[in-house]
Amino acid sequence: MRREAANVLASMQWSPDEVPEKVQFYYLREDWKELAKLQGAAVPALLKALASDDPPGTERVGANPREDP
């Protein structure tokens, strides 16, 4: 659901201004190229993606949606 929301925002030509929001946004969209451009700020999200069996934006019920990726 969160990935779909990020994709809808992107289709409306919206993008976040703040780096932490950019990390979350690109992580949810699985836009690894843009995420890599954020360099060190993206490392935790990239590590999480590598370690997870679940695609971004499909957290299990009970996951904290405000938690960093």
N, C-alpha and C. Protein backbone atom coordinates (compact mmCIF):
# COMPACT_ATOMS: atom_id res chain seq x y z
N MET A 1 0.83 -1.18 0.00
CA MET A 1 0.00 0.00 0.00
C MET A 1 0.88 1.25 0.00
N ARG A 2 1.92 1.26 0.81
CA ARG A 2 2.78 2.44 0.86
C ARG A 2 3.52 2.64 -0.45
N ARG A 3 3.90 1.55 -1.11
CA ARG A 3 4.56 1.66 -2.41
C ARG A 3 3.62 2.27 -3.43
N GLU A 4 2.37 1.84 -3.42
CA GLU A 4 1.38 2.39 -4.35
C GLU A 4 1.20 3.88 -4.13
N ALA A 5 1.16 4.31 -2.87
CA ALA A 5 1.03 5.73 -2.57
C ALA A 5 2.23 6.52 -3.10
N ALA A 6 3.42 5.98 -2.91
CA ALA A 6 4.63 6.64 -3.42
C ALA A 6 4.60 6.72 -4.94
N ASN A 7 4.13 5.68 -5.60
CA ASN A 7 4.05 5.69 -7.06
C ASN A 7 3.02 6.69 -7.56
N VAL A 8 1.91 6.83 -6.85
CA VAL A 8 0.91 7.82 -7.23
C VAL A 8 1.49 9.22 -7.10
N LEU A 9 2.18 9.47 -5.99
CA LEU A 9 2.82 10.78 -5.81
C LEU A 9 3.82 11.06 -6.93
N ALA A 10 4.60 10.07 -7.29
CA ALA A 10 5.58 10.24 -8.36
C ALA A 10 4.89 10.51 -9.69
N SER A 11 3.76 9.86 -9.93
CA SER A 11 3.04 10.08 -11.19
C SER A 11 2.47 11.50 -11.27
N MET A 12 2.32 12.13 -10.10
CA MET A 12 1.86 13.52 -10.04
C MET A 12 3.03 14.50 -10.05
N GLN A 13 4.22 13.98 -10.38
CA GLN A 13 5.45 14.78 -10.45
C GLN A 13 5.87 15.35 -9.10
N TRP A 14 5.46 14.69 -8.00
CA TRP A 14 5.84 15.12 -6.66
C TRP A 14 7.09 14.38 -6.24
N SER A 15 7.95 15.08 -5.54
CA SER A 15 9.10 14.42 -4.91
C SER A 15 9.40 15.16 -3.62
N PRO A 16 9.88 14.45 -2.61
CA PRO A 16 10.15 15.07 -1.32
C PRO A 16 11.35 16.01 -1.37
N ASP A 17 11.36 16.94 -0.42
CA ASP A 17 12.45 17.92 -0.34
C ASP A 17 13.55 17.49 0.63
N GLU A 18 13.18 16.85 1.72
CA GLU A 18 14.12 16.49 2.78
C GLU A 18 14.76 15.13 2.51
N VAL A 19 16.03 15.01 2.84
CA VAL A 19 16.77 13.77 2.57
C VAL A 19 16.13 12.55 3.22
N PRO A 20 15.75 12.58 4.50
CA PRO A 20 15.13 11.37 5.07
C PRO A 20 13.86 10.95 4.33
N GLU A 21 13.07 11.93 3.89
CA GLU A 21 11.87 11.62 3.13
C GLU A 21 12.23 11.05 1.76
N LYS A 22 13.29 11.58 1.14
CA LYS A 22 13.74 11.06 -0.15
C LYS A 22 14.16 9.60 -0.02
N VAL A 23 14.88 9.29 1.06
CA VAL A 23 15.32 7.91 1.29
C VAL A 23 14.09 6.99 1.35
N GLN A 24 13.11 7.36 2.14
CA GLN A 24 11.90 6.54 2.29
C GLN A 24 11.17 6.43 0.95
N PHE A 25 11.02 7.54 0.26
CA PHE A 25 10.30 7.59 -1.01
C PHE A 25 10.94 6.69 -2.06
N TYR A 26 12.24 6.83 -2.26
CA TYR A 26 12.92 6.03 -3.27
C TYR A 26 13.01 4.56 -2.86
N TYR A 27 13.13 4.31 -1.55
CA TYR A 27 13.13 2.94 -1.06
C TYR A 27 11.79 2.26 -1.37
N LEU A 28 10.69 2.94 -1.07
CA LEU A 28 9.37 2.38 -1.33
C LEU A 28 9.14 2.13 -2.81
N ARG A 29 9.67 3.00 -3.65
CA ARG A 29 9.51 2.86 -5.10
C ARG A 29 10.52 1.88 -5.70
N GLU A 30 11.44 1.42 -4.87
CA GLU A 30 12.52 0.54 -5.33
C GLU A 30 13.33 1.21 -6.43
N ASP A 31 13.54 2.51 -6.26
CA ASP A 31 14.33 3.29 -7.21
C ASP A 31 15.76 3.34 -6.69
N TRP A 32 16.47 2.25 -6.92
CA TRP A 32 17.81 2.09 -6.34
C TRP A 32 18.80 3.11 -6.90
N LYS A 33 18.61 3.52 -8.14
CA LYS A 33 19.51 4.49 -8.75
C LYS A 33 19.42 5.85 -8.03
N GLU A 34 18.21 6.31 -7.81
CA GLU A 34 18.02 7.59 -7.10
C GLU A 34 18.44 7.45 -5.64
N LEU A 35 18.15 6.32 -5.05
CA LEU A 35 18.53 6.09 -3.66
C LEU A 35 20.04 6.12 -3.51
N ALA A 36 20.75 5.53 -4.44
CA ALA A 36 22.22 5.52 -4.39
C ALA A 36 22.80 6.93 -4.48
N LYS A 37 22.12 7.82 -5.18
CA LYS A 37 22.59 9.20 -5.28
C LYS A 37 22.60 9.92 -3.93
N LEU A 38 21.84 9.39 -2.98
CA LEU A 38 21.78 10.00 -1.64
C LEU A 38 22.93 9.54 -0.76
N GLN A 39 23.77 8.70 -1.30
CA GLN A 39 25.01 8.23 -0.68
C GLN A 39 24.80 7.71 0.74
N GLY A 40 25.51 8.25 1.71
CA GLY A 40 25.50 7.73 3.08
C GLY A 40 24.13 7.69 3.71
N ALA A 41 23.27 8.64 3.37
CA ALA A 41 21.93 8.66 3.95
C ALA A 41 21.12 7.43 3.55
N ALA A 42 21.47 6.84 2.41
CA ALA A 42 20.72 5.70 1.90
C ALA A 42 21.22 4.35 2.41
N VAL A 43 22.38 4.32 3.03
CA VAL A 43 22.98 3.05 3.43
C VAL A 43 22.05 2.21 4.31
N PRO A 44 21.42 2.75 5.36
CA PRO A 44 20.53 1.91 6.17
C PRO A 44 19.38 1.30 5.35
N ALA A 45 18.81 2.08 4.44
CA ALA A 45 17.71 1.56 3.62
C ALA A 45 18.20 0.47 2.67
N LEU A 46 19.37 0.67 2.09
CA LEU A 46 19.92 -0.34 1.18
C LEU A 46 20.26 -1.63 1.93
N LEU A 47 20.80 -1.50 3.13
CA LEU A 47 21.09 -2.69 3.94
C LEU A 47 19.82 -3.42 4.31
N LYS A 48 18.77 -2.66 4.65
CA LYS A 48 17.50 -3.28 5.00
C LYS A 48 16.93 -4.03 3.79
N ALA A 49 17.04 -3.43 2.61
CA ALA A 49 16.54 -4.08 1.40
C ALA A 49 17.28 -5.38 1.13
N LEU A 50 18.58 -5.37 1.34
CA LEU A 50 19.38 -6.57 1.12
C LEU A 50 19.04 -7.69 2.10
N ALA A 51 18.71 -7.31 3.33
CA ALA A 51 18.46 -8.28 4.38
C ALA A 51 17.03 -8.81 4.39
N SER A 52 16.13 -8.13 3.72
CA SER A 52 14.71 -8.47 3.81
C SER A 52 14.27 -9.44 2.72
N ASP A 53 13.37 -10.33 3.09
CA ASP A 53 12.72 -11.20 2.11
C ASP A 53 11.47 -10.55 1.54
N ASP A 54 10.99 -9.48 2.22
CA ASP A 54 9.77 -8.79 1.81
C ASP A 54 10.11 -7.58 0.96
N PRO A 55 9.36 -7.33 -0.11
CA PRO A 55 9.59 -6.13 -0.91
C PRO A 55 9.31 -4.87 -0.10
N PRO A 56 9.96 -3.76 -0.40
CA PRO A 56 9.68 -2.50 0.29
C PRO A 56 8.20 -2.14 0.19
N GLY A 57 7.68 -1.58 1.28
CA GLY A 57 6.28 -1.14 1.27
C GLY A 57 5.29 -2.23 1.57
N THR A 58 5.76 -3.45 1.86
CA THR A 58 4.85 -4.56 2.15
C THR A 58 5.11 -5.11 3.55
N GLU A 59 5.39 -4.21 4.48
CA GLU A 59 5.69 -4.64 5.84
C GLU A 59 4.52 -5.43 6.41
N ARG A 60 4.85 -6.32 7.29
CA ARG A 60 3.83 -7.15 7.93
C ARG A 60 2.94 -6.29 8.82
N VAL A 61 1.74 -6.79 9.08
CA VAL A 61 0.81 -6.10 9.97
C VAL A 61 1.49 -5.90 11.31
N GLY A 62 1.35 -4.70 11.84
CA GLY A 62 1.98 -4.39 13.12
C GLY A 62 3.28 -3.63 12.95
N ALA A 63 3.80 -3.56 11.73
CA ALA A 63 5.04 -2.81 11.50
C ALA A 63 4.74 -1.34 11.70
N ASN A 64 5.71 -0.62 12.21
CA ASN A 64 5.54 0.79 12.47
C ASN A 64 5.75 1.58 11.18
N PRO A 65 4.69 2.21 10.63
CA PRO A 65 4.84 2.93 9.37
C PRO A 65 5.72 4.18 9.48
N ARG A 66 5.97 4.67 10.68
CA ARG A 66 6.80 5.86 10.86
C ARG A 66 8.27 5.49 11.03
N GLU A 67 8.55 4.21 11.12
CA GLU A 67 9.92 3.74 11.29
C GLU A 67 10.71 3.98 10.02
N ASP A 68 11.98 4.35 10.18
CA ASP A 68 12.84 4.55 9.02
C ASP A 68 12.98 3.24 8.26
N PRO A 69 13.21 3.33 6.94
CA PRO A 69 13.36 2.11 6.14
C PRO A 69 14.56 1.31 6.57
